[in-house]
C-alpha cells in the first residue's frame, strides 16, 4: 500500500489527491482483497446490475461485503445504476458503510440503459433516467448532511426527513459520474465530485477532460478537489497480439458485439511494456486515478497484482513529475 496516514485515507482525499493513484475491480475473496491491498491498490471497485444477461452480484450488496473485507483501500461502486434505486435507501446504506469504514466509501454513479429489462423489473421508466439521476445526486447530498431535509423535487419529494448517523466524510461520499456521452460530462461538471468514463481511448479522455472543465467554467464551478478517474479494461500478456485477442473476446462476450477492430481504442492490452506506455498516455491525458478491470476470463487477479506491483510505482513517479 502506498504510504498514507490513517487520517488521510478517506475517499475524498485518496481520490482527489494531487498524485496518481491506482485501483482495481475488487477480487471476490477476502484473500484476494488482502493481496490487492498489499500490492498497492488504493481503491477497490464493484459494479453490478439488478438483471443482466451476464449475471453477477448487485452493486450495493457487494459493496457491503467488500467494506468488511478491505482494511485500507477506498471501496466504491463502478458503477451503481442510480436511477434504479430510491435515493433515500442509497443515502442510508452508503452513510452507514461510510461510518463503518471510517470514511472510505465512494459512489460511482451511472444511468445505465443497456439492459431495458432491469428497468422494467424495477418499475422505473427507461426514459427520463438522466433526470432521475440528477435529482438523486442532489438529494443524496442533502440527506448526508444529517439535518432534516425537505425536498420539493418532482420525483422524490419528502418533508422533514433526517438520516442519522451522518457519513464520516463531511458532505458524504464523493460522487463520481460515469458515462460516455456529452450529457454525462455535463452532469459530472455540474453535479459530480469526479468523472469516470469507461471504454475511452486516451485521446478521447483528454477531450472529455476539456469538455468537463469548460462546462464547469460556464456555470462558475471550481473543480478544485475533483477526481479525474478512468475505468480501464486491460490485459497483460507476453504476447501482445494474444493480449488484444483476449481483451476483445472478454468485452465481446460482455456486450454481445465484436470488439476486435476497436480494441486498441477501448482497452489497454499488450505486453507489460506496452501496457505501461498506454497507461502513461491516460495520465498524460489528465487521469489521476486509474481503475483497472482485468479483461480476461482467466488470470485476472494475477494481472492486477502484476500491474500494481511492477507498473504502478513507475507510473506514480512519472505522474508526480507532470
C-alpha atoms as a PDB file:
ATOM      1  CA  UNK A   1       0.000   0.000   0.000  1.00  0.00           C
ATOM      2  CA  UNK A   2       1.256   3.461  -0.742  1.00  0.00           C
ATOM      3  CA  UNK A   3       2.096   5.489   2.350  1.00  0.00           C
ATOM      4  CA  UNK A   4      -0.904   7.396   3.624  1.00  0.00           C
ATOM      5  CA  UNK A   5      -1.628   8.404   7.205  1.00  0.00           C
ATOM      6  CA  UNK A   6      -4.795   6.893   8.612  1.00  0.00           C
ATOM      7  CA  UNK A   7      -6.271  10.392   8.843  1.00  0.00           C
ATOM      8  CA  UNK A   8      -5.923  10.819   5.072  1.00  0.00           C
ATOM      9  CA  UNK A   9      -7.451   7.531   3.953  1.00  0.00           C
ATOM     10  CA  UNK A  10     -10.896   8.984   3.433  1.00  0.00           C
ATOM     11  CA  UNK A  11     -12.160   8.603  -0.105  1.00  0.00           C
ATOM     12  CA  UNK A  12     -12.236  12.294  -0.935  1.00  0.00           C
ATOM     13  CA  UNK A  13      -8.556  12.636  -0.024  1.00  0.00           C
ATOM     14  CA  UNK A  14      -7.292   9.447  -1.663  1.00  0.00           C
ATOM     15  CA  UNK A  15      -9.123  10.027  -4.942  1.00  0.00           C
ATOM     16  CA  UNK A  16      -8.721  13.788  -5.175  1.00  0.00           C
ATOM     17  CA  UNK A  17      -5.079  13.982  -4.088  1.00  0.00           C
ATOM     18  CA  UNK A  18      -2.690  15.718  -6.460  1.00  0.00           C
ATOM     19  CA  UNK A  19      -0.986  12.492  -7.432  1.00  0.00           C
ATOM     20  CA  UNK A  20      -1.589   9.368  -9.479  1.00  0.00           C
ATOM     21  CA  UNK A  21      -3.398   6.558  -7.696  1.00  0.00           C
ATOM     22  CA  UNK A  22      -4.414   3.063  -8.720  1.00  0.00           C
ATOM     23  CA  UNK A  23      -7.443   0.930  -8.049  1.00  0.00           C
ATOM     24  CA  UNK A  24      -8.944  -2.227  -9.458  1.00  0.00           C
ATOM     25  CA  UNK A  25     -12.117  -4.245  -9.610  1.00  0.00           C
ATOM     26  CA  UNK A  26     -12.394  -5.940  -6.233  1.00  0.00           C
ATOM     27  CA  UNK A  27     -11.465  -9.616  -6.040  1.00  0.00           C
ATOM     28  CA  UNK A  28     -14.304 -11.854  -4.899  1.00  0.00           C
ATOM     29  CA  UNK A  29     -12.462 -13.387  -1.925  1.00  0.00           C
ATOM     30  CA  UNK A  30     -11.107 -11.950   1.316  1.00  0.00           C
ATOM     31  CA  UNK A  31      -7.652 -13.317   0.458  1.00  0.00           C
ATOM     32  CA  UNK A  32      -7.783 -11.650  -2.950  1.00  0.00           C
ATOM     33  CA  UNK A  33      -8.783  -8.322  -1.393  1.00  0.00           C
ATOM     34  CA  UNK A  34      -5.887  -8.553   1.070  1.00  0.00           C
ATOM     35  CA  UNK A  35      -3.453  -9.343  -1.749  1.00  0.00           C
ATOM     36  CA  UNK A  36      -4.636  -6.354  -3.803  1.00  0.00           C
ATOM     37  CA  UNK A  37      -4.259  -4.010  -0.840  1.00  0.00           C
ATOM     38  CA  UNK A  38      -0.791  -5.369  -0.093  1.00  0.00           C
ATOM     39  CA  UNK A  39       0.204  -4.848  -3.735  1.00  0.00           C
ATOM     40  CA  UNK A  40      -0.800  -1.187  -3.555  1.00  0.00           C
ATOM     41  CA  UNK A  41      -4.436  -0.868  -4.580  1.00  0.00           C
ATOM     42  CA  UNK A  42      -5.647   2.443  -3.198  1.00  0.00           C
ATOM     43  CA  UNK A  43      -9.245   1.763  -4.205  1.00  0.00           C
ATOM     44  CA  UNK A  44     -11.329  -1.331  -4.851  1.00  0.00           C
ATOM     45  CA  UNK A  45     -14.347  -1.035  -7.119  1.00  0.00           C
ATOM     46  CA  UNK A  46     -17.517  -3.092  -7.525  1.00  0.00           C
ATOM     47  CA  UNK A  47     -20.241  -2.945 -10.133  1.00  0.00           C
ATOM     48  CA  UNK A  48     -23.363  -4.856 -10.861  1.00  0.00           C
ATOM     49  CA  UNK A  49     -26.798  -4.950 -12.407  1.00  0.00           C
ATOM     50  CA  UNK A  50     -30.147  -5.888 -10.979  1.00  0.00           C
ATOM     51  CA  UNK A  51     -30.865  -8.059 -14.012  1.00  0.00           C
ATOM     52  CA  UNK A  52     -28.491  -8.567 -16.918  1.00  0.00           C
ATOM     53  CA  UNK A  53     -27.701 -11.482 -19.246  1.00  0.00           C
ATOM     54  CA  UNK A  54     -24.252 -11.803 -17.644  1.00  0.00           C
ATOM     55  CA  UNK A  55     -25.400 -12.329 -14.068  1.00  0.00           C
ATOM     56  CA  UNK A  56     -23.246 -11.303 -11.112  1.00  0.00           C
ATOM     57  CA  UNK A  57     -23.688  -9.567  -7.736  1.00  0.00           C
ATOM     58  CA  UNK A  58     -25.789  -6.483  -7.120  1.00  0.00           C
ATOM     59  CA  UNK A  59     -23.528  -3.485  -6.546  1.00  0.00           C
ATOM     60  CA  UNK A  60     -24.634  -2.382  -3.057  1.00  0.00           C
ATOM     61  CA  UNK A  61     -24.691  -5.930  -1.706  1.00  0.00           C
ATOM     62  CA  UNK A  62     -21.154  -6.483  -2.996  1.00  0.00           C
ATOM     63  CA  UNK A  63     -20.038  -3.120  -1.629  1.00  0.00           C
ATOM     64  CA  UNK A  64     -21.309  -4.032   1.840  1.00  0.00           C
ATOM     65  CA  UNK A  65     -19.360  -7.291   1.784  1.00  0.00           C
ATOM     66  CA  UNK A  66     -16.260  -5.547   0.479  1.00  0.00           C
ATOM     67  CA  UNK A  67     -16.409  -2.860   3.159  1.00  0.00           C
ATOM     68  CA  UNK A  68     -15.949  -5.591   5.760  1.00  0.00           C
ATOM     69  CA  UNK A  69     -13.048  -7.178   3.867  1.00  0.00           C
ATOM     70  CA  UNK A  70     -10.912  -4.185   2.875  1.00  0.00           C
ATOM     71  CA  UNK A  71      -8.833  -2.698   5.670  1.00  0.00           C
ATOM     72  CA  UNK A  72      -7.206   0.315   3.999  1.00  0.00           C
ATOM     73  CA  UNK A  73      -8.403   0.887   0.462  1.00  0.00           C
ATOM     74  CA  UNK A  74     -11.242   3.137  -0.585  1.00  0.00           C
ATOM     75  CA  UNK A  75     -14.198   0.977  -1.598  1.00  0.00           C
ATOM     76  CA  UNK A  76     -16.653   2.213  -4.176  1.00  0.00           C
ATOM     77  CA  UNK A  77     -19.149   1.403  -6.890  1.00  0.00           C
ATOM     78  CA  UNK A  78     -18.138   1.431 -10.532  1.00  0.00           C
ATOM     79  CA  UNK A  79     -20.873   1.790 -11.110  1.00  0.00           C
ATOM     80  CA  UNK A  80     -24.217   1.893  -9.331  1.00  0.00           C
ATOM     81  CA  UNK A  81     -27.126   2.416 -11.732  1.00  0.00           C
ATOM     82  CA  UNK A  82     -28.580   5.197  -9.637  1.00  0.00           C
ATOM     83  CA  UNK A  83     -31.929   5.664 -11.434  1.00  0.00           C
ATOM     84  CA  UNK A  84     -32.969   2.122 -10.468  1.00  0.00           C
ATOM     85  CA  UNK A  85     -32.891   2.975  -6.750  1.00  0.00           C
ATOM     86  CA  UNK A  86     -34.795   5.168  -4.323  1.00  0.00           C
ATOM     87  CA  UNK A  87     -32.265   7.816  -3.238  1.00  0.00           C
ATOM     88  CA  UNK A  88     -33.217   7.579   0.451  1.00  0.00           C
ATOM     89  CA  UNK A  89     -32.230   3.904   0.537  1.00  0.00           C
ATOM     90  CA  UNK A  90     -28.930   4.587  -1.238  1.00  0.00           C
ATOM     91  CA  UNK A  91     -28.213   7.523   1.080  1.00  0.00           C
ATOM     92  CA  UNK A  92     -28.816   5.469   4.203  1.00  0.00           C
ATOM     93  CA  UNK A  93     -26.852   2.428   3.079  1.00  0.00           C
ATOM     94  CA  UNK A  94     -23.831   4.448   1.959  1.00  0.00           C
ATOM     95  CA  UNK A  95     -23.876   6.640   5.065  1.00  0.00           C
ATOM     96  CA  UNK A  96     -23.815   3.555   7.284  1.00  0.00           C
ATOM     97  CA  UNK A  97     -20.996   1.988   5.262  1.00  0.00           C
ATOM     98  CA  UNK A  98     -19.055   5.251   5.343  1.00  0.00           C
ATOM     99  CA  UNK A  99     -19.253   5.275   9.131  1.00  0.00           C
ATOM    100  CA  UNK A 100     -18.270   1.607   9.320  1.00  0.00           C
ATOM    101  CA  UNK A 101     -15.202   2.139   7.126  1.00  0.00           C
ATOM    102  CA  UNK A 102     -14.094   5.424   8.648  1.00  0.00           C
ATOM    103  CA  UNK A 103     -14.881   7.393   5.505  1.00  0.00           C
ATOM    104  CA  UNK A 104     -13.629   5.090   2.755  1.00  0.00           C
ATOM    105  CA  UNK A 105     -16.772   4.928   0.600  1.00  0.00           C
ATOM    106  CA  UNK A 106     -17.064   6.378  -2.918  1.00  0.00           C
ATOM    107  CA  UNK A 107     -20.105   6.353  -5.183  1.00  0.00           C
ATOM    108  CA  UNK A 108     -19.551   5.865  -8.886  1.00  0.00           C
ATOM    109  CA  UNK A 109     -22.948   6.532 -10.466  1.00  0.00           C
ATOM    110  CA  UNK A 110     -24.247   5.916 -13.968  1.00  0.00           C
ATOM    111  CA  UNK A 111     -27.610   5.943 -15.726  1.00  0.00           C
ATOM    112  CA  UNK A 112     -27.444   2.521 -17.400  1.00  0.00           C
ATOM    113  CA  UNK A 113     -29.942   1.649 -20.088  1.00  0.00           C
ATOM    114  CA  UNK A 114     -28.141  -1.105 -21.980  1.00  0.00           C
ATOM    115  CA  UNK A 115     -30.477  -3.668 -20.385  1.00  0.00           C
ATOM    116  CA  UNK A 116     -34.027  -2.251 -20.538  1.00  0.00           C
ATOM    117  CA  UNK A 117     -35.452  -5.348 -18.833  1.00  0.00           C
ATOM    118  CA  UNK A 118     -33.954  -4.353 -15.481  1.00  0.00           C
ATOM    119  CA  UNK A 119     -35.711  -1.003 -15.634  1.00  0.00           C
ATOM    120  CA  UNK A 120     -38.984  -2.843 -16.267  1.00  0.00           C
ATOM    121  CA  UNK A 121     -38.232  -5.206 -13.394  1.00  0.00           C
ATOM    122  CA  UNK A 122     -37.664  -2.280 -11.012  1.00  0.00           C
ATOM    123  CA  UNK A 123     -40.716  -0.376 -12.175  1.00  0.00           C
ATOM    124  CA  UNK A 124     -38.584   2.512 -13.421  1.00  0.00           C
ATOM    125  CA  UNK A 125     -39.146   4.026 -16.871  1.00  0.00           C
ATOM    126  CA  UNK A 126     -36.128   3.919 -19.144  1.00  0.00           C
ATOM    127  CA  UNK A 127     -36.972   7.373 -20.464  1.00  0.00           C
ATOM    128  CA  UNK A 128     -36.055  10.079 -18.004  1.00  0.00           C
ATOM    129  CA  UNK A 129     -33.331   8.094 -16.254  1.00  0.00           C
ATOM    130  CA  UNK A 130     -30.983  11.050 -16.599  1.00  0.00           C
ATOM    131  CA  UNK A 131     -33.425  13.346 -14.782  1.00  0.00           C
ATOM    132  CA  UNK A 132     -33.838  10.765 -12.026  1.00  0.00           C
ATOM    133  CA  UNK A 133     -30.064  10.594 -11.639  1.00  0.00           C
ATOM    134  CA  UNK A 134     -29.636  14.359 -11.494  1.00  0.00           C
ATOM    135  CA  UNK A 135     -32.284  14.762  -8.810  1.00  0.00           C
ATOM    136  CA  UNK A 136     -30.997  11.774  -6.861  1.00  0.00           C
ATOM    137  CA  UNK A 137     -27.458  13.193  -6.660  1.00  0.00           C
ATOM    138  CA  UNK A 138     -28.725  16.451  -5.216  1.00  0.00           C
ATOM    139  CA  UNK A 139     -30.969  14.668  -2.734  1.00  0.00           C
ATOM    140  CA  UNK A 140     -28.187  12.345  -1.590  1.00  0.00           C
ATOM    141  CA  UNK A 141     -26.067  15.343  -0.655  1.00  0.00           C
ATOM    142  CA  UNK A 142     -28.903  16.863   1.365  1.00  0.00           C
ATOM    143  CA  UNK A 143     -29.629  13.633   3.214  1.00  0.00           C
ATOM    144  CA  UNK A 144     -25.938  13.190   4.013  1.00  0.00           C
ATOM    145  CA  UNK A 145     -25.901  16.445   6.000  1.00  0.00           C
ATOM    146  CA  UNK A 146     -27.625  14.664   8.879  1.00  0.00           C
ATOM    147  CA  UNK A 147     -30.079  17.566   9.112  1.00  0.00           C
ATOM    148  CA  UNK A 148     -33.841  17.418   8.455  1.00  0.00           C
ATOM    149  CA  UNK A 149     -34.463  17.527   4.715  1.00  0.00           C
ATOM    150  CA  UNK A 150     -37.478  18.920   2.942  1.00  0.00           C
ATOM    151  CA  UNK A 151     -37.191  18.254  -0.763  1.00  0.00           C
ATOM    152  CA  UNK A 152     -39.561  19.667  -3.359  1.00  0.00           C
ATOM    153  CA  UNK A 153     -38.139  17.783  -6.327  1.00  0.00           C
ATOM    154  CA  UNK A 154     -40.759  16.384  -8.677  1.00  0.00           C
ATOM    155  CA  UNK A 155     -39.580  12.791  -8.442  1.00  0.00           C
ATOM    156  CA  UNK A 156     -38.599  12.256  -4.795  1.00  0.00           C
ATOM    157  CA  UNK A 157     -40.465  14.812  -2.628  1.00  0.00           C
ATOM    158  CA  UNK A 158     -40.160  14.483   1.143  1.00  0.00           C
ATOM    159  CA  UNK A 159     -40.786  16.528   4.270  1.00  0.00           C
ATOM    160  CA  UNK A 160     -38.546  16.747   7.325  1.00  0.00           C
ATOM    161  CA  UNK A 161     -36.583  13.543   6.727  1.00  0.00           C
ATOM    162  CA  UNK A 162     -33.446  13.192   8.824  1.00  0.00           C
ATOM    163  CA  UNK A 163     -30.913  10.395   8.485  1.00  0.00           C
ATOM    164  CA  UNK A 164     -28.508   9.584  11.282  1.00  0.00           C
ATOM    165  CA  UNK A 165     -25.737   8.994  11.720  1.00  0.00           C
ATOM    166  CA  UNK A 166     -24.350  11.215   9.012  1.00  0.00           C
ATOM    167  CA  UNK A 167     -21.451   9.845   6.932  1.00  0.00           C
ATOM    168  CA  UNK A 168     -17.924  10.089   8.314  1.00  0.00           C
ATOM    169  CA  UNK A 169     -16.847  12.196   5.354  1.00  0.00           C
ATOM    170  CA  UNK A 170     -18.085  15.779   5.567  1.00  0.00           C
ATOM    171  CA  UNK A 171     -20.619  16.151   2.801  1.00  0.00           C
ATOM    172  CA  UNK A 172     -20.807  12.400   2.349  1.00  0.00           C
ATOM    173  CA  UNK A 173     -19.001  10.059  -0.037  1.00  0.00           C
ATOM    174  CA  UNK A 174     -17.701  11.605  -3.268  1.00  0.00           C
ATOM    175  CA  UNK A 175     -19.952  11.060  -6.276  1.00  0.00           C
ATOM    176  CA  UNK A 176     -18.040  10.127  -9.416  1.00  0.00           C
ATOM    177  CA  UNK A 177     -20.193  10.450 -12.511  1.00  0.00           C
ATOM    178  CA  UNK A 178     -19.724   7.693 -15.074  1.00  0.00           C
ATOM    179  CA  UNK A 179     -20.763   7.663 -18.695  1.00  0.00           C
ATOM    180  CA  UNK A 180     -19.593   8.131 -22.248  1.00  0.00           C
ATOM    181  CA  UNK A 181     -21.702  10.859 -23.806  1.00  0.00           C
ATOM    182  CA  UNK A 182     -21.626  14.678 -23.514  1.00  0.00           C
ATOM    183  CA  UNK A 183     -24.683  14.672 -21.235  1.00  0.00           C
ATOM    184  CA  UNK A 184     -22.696  12.633 -18.701  1.00  0.00           C
ATOM    185  CA  UNK A 185     -19.786  15.077 -18.924  1.00  0.00           C
ATOM    186  CA  UNK A 186     -22.177  17.936 -18.228  1.00  0.00           C
ATOM    187  CA  UNK A 187     -23.585  16.025 -15.254  1.00  0.00           C
ATOM    188  CA  UNK A 188     -20.070  15.493 -13.893  1.00  0.00           C
ATOM    189  CA  UNK A 189     -19.205  19.170 -14.291  1.00  0.00           C
ATOM    190  CA  UNK A 190     -22.395  20.439 -12.662  1.00  0.00           C
ATOM    191  CA  UNK A 191     -23.141  17.822 -10.015  1.00  0.00           C
ATOM    192  CA  UNK A 192     -20.258  15.397  -9.574  1.00  0.00           C
ATOM    193  CA  UNK A 193     -17.165  15.192  -7.438  1.00  0.00           C
ATOM    194  CA  UNK A 194     -15.399  13.363 -10.238  1.00  0.00           C
ATOM    195  CA  UNK A 195     -15.547  11.938 -13.768  1.00  0.00           C
ATOM    196  CA  UNK A 196     -15.058   8.239 -14.520  1.00  0.00           C
ATOM    197  CA  UNK A 197     -15.663   7.242 -18.152  1.00  0.00           C
ATOM    198  CA  UNK A 198     -15.352   3.701 -19.491  1.00  0.00           C
ATOM    199  CA  UNK A 199     -14.210   2.304 -22.868  1.00  0.00           C
ATOM    200  CA  UNK A 200     -12.356   5.509 -23.739  1.00  0.00           C
ATOM    201  CA  UNK A 201      -9.107   5.963 -25.589  1.00  0.00           C
ATOM    202  CA  UNK A 202      -6.561   8.295 -24.010  1.00  0.00           C
ATOM    203  CA  UNK A 203      -7.272  10.831 -26.755  1.00  0.00           C
ATOM    204  CA  UNK A 204     -10.998  10.740 -26.052  1.00  0.00           C
ATOM    205  CA  UNK A 205     -10.305  11.002 -22.343  1.00  0.00           C
ATOM    206  CA  UNK A 206      -8.324  14.200 -22.922  1.00  0.00           C
ATOM    207  CA  UNK A 207     -11.200  15.656 -24.924  1.00  0.00           C
ATOM    208  CA  UNK A 208     -13.645  14.763 -22.155  1.00  0.00           C
ATOM    209  CA  UNK A 209     -11.465  16.495 -19.545  1.00  0.00           C
ATOM    210  CA  UNK A 210     -11.534  19.644 -21.645  1.00  0.00           C
ATOM    211  CA  UNK A 211     -15.311  19.461 -22.001  1.00  0.00           C
ATOM    212  CA  UNK A 212     -15.911  18.879 -18.286  1.00  0.00           C
ATOM    213  CA  UNK A 213     -13.662  21.816 -17.429  1.00  0.00           C
ATOM    214  CA  UNK A 214     -15.382  24.051 -19.980  1.00  0.00           C
ATOM    215  CA  UNK A 215     -18.841  23.141 -18.699  1.00  0.00           C
ATOM    216  CA  UNK A 216     -17.785  23.755 -15.098  1.00  0.00           C
ATOM    217  CA  UNK A 217     -16.358  27.142 -16.040  1.00  0.00           C
ATOM    218  CA  UNK A 218     -19.583  28.028 -17.849  1.00  0.00           C
ATOM    219  CA  UNK A 219     -21.617  27.509 -14.673  1.00  0.00           C
ATOM    220  CA  UNK A 220     -18.993  29.118 -12.437  1.00  0.00           C
ATOM    221  CA  UNK A 221     -17.953  25.945 -10.679  1.00  0.00           C
ATOM    222  CA  UNK A 222     -14.466  25.439  -9.211  1.00  0.00           C
ATOM    223  CA  UNK A 223     -13.202  21.880  -9.792  1.00  0.00           C
ATOM    224  CA  UNK A 224     -10.599  22.017  -7.043  1.00  0.00           C
ATOM    225  CA  UNK A 225     -10.531  18.572  -5.421  1.00  0.00           C
ATOM    226  CA  UNK A 226     -12.286  16.968  -8.398  1.00  0.00           C
ATOM    227  CA  UNK A 227     -11.434  13.314  -9.137  1.00  0.00           C
ATOM    228  CA  UNK A 228     -10.255  12.545 -12.675  1.00  0.00           C
ATOM    229  CA  UNK A 229     -10.677   8.775 -12.914  1.00  0.00           C
ATOM    230  CA  UNK A 230     -10.551   6.358 -15.826  1.00  0.00           C
ATOM    231  CA  UNK A 231     -12.065   2.868 -15.710  1.00  0.00           C
ATOM    232  CA  UNK A 232      -9.813   0.767 -17.928  1.00  0.00           C
ATOM    233  CA  UNK A 233     -10.248  -2.800 -19.199  1.00  0.00           C
ATOM    234  CA  UNK A 234      -6.738  -4.236 -19.539  1.00  0.00           C
ATOM    235  CA  UNK A 235      -4.817  -7.387 -20.352  1.00  0.00           C
ATOM    236  CA  UNK A 236      -1.101  -8.024 -19.817  1.00  0.00           C
ATOM    237  CA  UNK A 237       0.436 -10.867 -21.799  1.00  0.00           C
ATOM    238  CA  UNK A 238       3.961 -11.577 -23.041  1.00  0.00           C
ATOM    239  CA  UNK A 239       2.358 -11.874 -26.490  1.00  0.00           C
ATOM    240  CA  UNK A 240       0.815  -8.511 -27.353  1.00  0.00           C
ATOM    241  CA  UNK A 241      -1.438  -9.856 -30.111  1.00  0.00           C
ATOM    242  CA  UNK A 242      -2.762 -12.531 -27.790  1.00  0.00           C
ATOM    243  CA  UNK A 243      -3.437  -9.868 -25.147  1.00  0.00           C
ATOM    244  CA  UNK A 244      -5.568  -7.905 -27.593  1.00  0.00           C
ATOM    245  CA  UNK A 245      -7.474 -11.045 -28.641  1.00  0.00           C
ATOM    246  CA  UNK A 246      -8.180 -11.895 -25.010  1.00  0.00           C
ATOM    247  CA  UNK A 247      -9.457  -8.391 -24.308  1.00  0.00           C
ATOM    248  CA  UNK A 248     -11.660  -8.392 -27.428  1.00  0.00           C
ATOM    249  CA  UNK A 249     -13.137 -11.778 -26.528  1.00  0.00           C
ATOM    250  CA  UNK A 250     -13.883 -10.636 -22.974  1.00  0.00           C
ATOM    251  CA  UNK A 251     -15.580  -7.392 -23.971  1.00  0.00           C
ATOM    252  CA  UNK A 252     -17.364  -9.043 -26.882  1.00  0.00           C
ATOM    253  CA  UNK A 253     -18.845 -11.633 -24.552  1.00  0.00           C
ATOM    254  CA  UNK A 254     -19.940  -8.959 -22.113  1.00  0.00           C
ATOM    255  CA  UNK A 255     -21.563  -6.621 -24.628  1.00  0.00           C
ATOM    256  CA  UNK A 256     -22.532  -9.106 -27.358  1.00  0.00           C
ATOM    257  CA  UNK A 257     -20.611  -7.342 -30.125  1.00  0.00           C
ATOM    258  CA  UNK A 258     -17.307  -7.609 -31.982  1.00  0.00           C
ATOM    259  CA  UNK A 259     -14.556  -5.550 -30.316  1.00  0.00           C
ATOM    260  CA  UNK A 260     -11.626  -6.791 -32.402  1.00  0.00           C
ATOM    261  CA  UNK A 261     -11.384  -3.763 -34.678  1.00  0.00           C
ATOM    262  CA  UNK A 262     -11.675  -1.224 -31.851  1.00  0.00           C
ATOM    263  CA  UNK A 263      -9.816  -2.934 -29.022  1.00  0.00           C
ATOM    264  CA  UNK A 264      -6.856  -0.543 -29.082  1.00  0.00           C
ATOM    265  CA  UNK A 265      -9.262   2.383 -28.635  1.00  0.00           C
ATOM    266  CA  UNK A 266     -11.321   0.996 -25.752  1.00  0.00           C
ATOM    267  CA  UNK A 267      -8.911  -1.181 -23.767  1.00  0.00           C
ATOM    268  CA  UNK A 268      -5.292  -1.330 -22.651  1.00  0.00           C
ATOM    269  CA  UNK A 269      -3.867  -4.624 -23.889  1.00  0.00           C
ATOM    270  CA  UNK A 270      -0.379  -5.782 -24.756  1.00  0.00           C
ATOM    271  CA  UNK A 271       2.967  -6.701 -23.315  1.00  0.00           C
ATOM    272  CA  UNK A 272       3.953  -5.251 -19.927  1.00  0.00           C
ATOM    273  CA  UNK A 273       5.931  -2.532 -21.678  1.00  0.00           C
ATOM    274  CA  UNK A 274       3.022  -1.699 -23.992  1.00  0.00           C
ATOM    275  CA  UNK A 275       0.515  -1.607 -21.121  1.00  0.00           C
ATOM    276  CA  UNK A 276       2.757   0.682 -19.083  1.00  0.00           C
ATOM    277  CA  UNK A 277       3.103   3.043 -22.024  1.00  0.00           C
ATOM    278  CA  UNK A 278      -0.645   3.079 -22.660  1.00  0.00           C
ATOM    279  CA  UNK A 279      -1.457   3.742 -19.011  1.00  0.00           C
ATOM    280  CA  UNK A 280       1.026   6.593 -19.143  1.00  0.00           C
ATOM    281  CA  UNK A 281      -0.946   8.071 -22.025  1.00  0.00           C
ATOM    282  CA  UNK A 282      -4.063   8.261 -19.837  1.00  0.00           C
ATOM    283  CA  UNK A 283      -2.083  10.005 -17.119  1.00  0.00           C
ATOM    284  CA  UNK A 284      -0.769  12.489 -19.670  1.00  0.00           C
ATOM    285  CA  UNK A 285      -4.379  12.993 -20.819  1.00  0.00           C
ATOM    286  CA  UNK A 286      -5.391  14.083 -17.324  1.00  0.00           C
ATOM    287  CA  UNK A 287      -6.399  10.901 -15.487  1.00  0.00           C
ATOM    288  CA  UNK A 288      -5.211  10.738 -11.896  1.00  0.00           C
ATOM    289  CA  UNK A 289      -6.991   7.623 -10.659  1.00  0.00           C
ATOM    290  CA  UNK A 290      -6.713   4.539 -12.865  1.00  0.00           C
ATOM    291  CA  UNK A 291      -9.248   1.824 -12.045  1.00  0.00           C
ATOM    292  CA  UNK A 292      -8.138  -1.429 -13.665  1.00  0.00           C
ATOM    293  CA  UNK A 293     -10.586  -4.060 -14.895  1.00  0.00           C
ATOM    294  CA  UNK A 294      -8.894  -7.338 -15.900  1.00  0.00           C
ATOM    295  CA  UNK A 295     -10.498  -8.053 -19.275  1.00  0.00           C
ATOM    296  CA  UNK A 296      -9.862 -11.760 -19.209  1.00  0.00           C
ATOM    297  CA  UNK A 297     -11.775 -14.867 -18.216  1.00  0.00           C
ATOM    298  CA  UNK A 298      -8.655 -16.309 -16.626  1.00  0.00           C
ATOM    299  CA  UNK A 299      -5.662 -14.944 -14.759  1.00  0.00           C
ATOM    300  CA  UNK A 300      -7.379 -11.692 -13.869  1.00  0.00           C
ATOM    301  CA  UNK A 301      -6.138 -11.333 -10.316  1.00  0.00           C
ATOM    302  CA  UNK A 302      -2.579 -12.213 -11.316  1.00  0.00           C
ATOM    303  CA  UNK A 303      -2.633  -9.456 -13.952  1.00  0.00           C
ATOM    304  CA  UNK A 304      -3.901  -6.933 -11.427  1.00  0.00           C
ATOM    305  CA  UNK A 305      -1.149  -7.818  -8.959  1.00  0.00           C
ATOM    306  CA  UNK A 306       1.442  -7.580 -11.740  1.00  0.00           C
ATOM    307  CA  UNK A 307       0.199  -4.131 -12.744  1.00  0.00           C
ATOM    308  CA  UNK A 308       0.049  -2.869  -9.163  1.00  0.00           C
ATOM    309  CA  UNK A 309       3.438  -4.266  -8.229  1.00  0.00           C
ATOM    310  CA  UNK A 310       5.518  -3.765 -11.368  1.00  0.00           C
ATOM    311  CA  UNK A 311       3.930  -0.910 -13.336  1.00  0.00           C
ATOM    312  CA  UNK A 312       2.110   1.340 -10.879  1.00  0.00           C
ATOM    313  CA  UNK A 313       5.149   2.548  -8.898  1.00  0.00           C
ATOM    314  CA  UNK A 314       6.875   3.872 -12.027  1.00  0.00           C
ATOM    315  CA  UNK A 315       3.665   5.431 -13.304  1.00  0.00           C
ATOM    316  CA  UNK A 316       3.005   7.162  -9.983  1.00  0.00           C
ATOM    317  CA  UNK A 317       6.525   8.589 -10.078  1.00  0.00           C
ATOM    318  CA  UNK A 318       6.100   9.736 -13.668  1.00  0.00           C
ATOM    319  CA  UNK A 319       2.763  11.341 -12.802  1.00  0.00           C
ATOM    320  CA  UNK A 320       4.358  13.260  -9.956  1.00  0.00           C
ATOM    321  CA  UNK A 321       6.674  14.943 -12.455  1.00  0.00           C
ATOM    322  CA  UNK A 322       3.821  16.248 -14.643  1.00  0.00           C
END
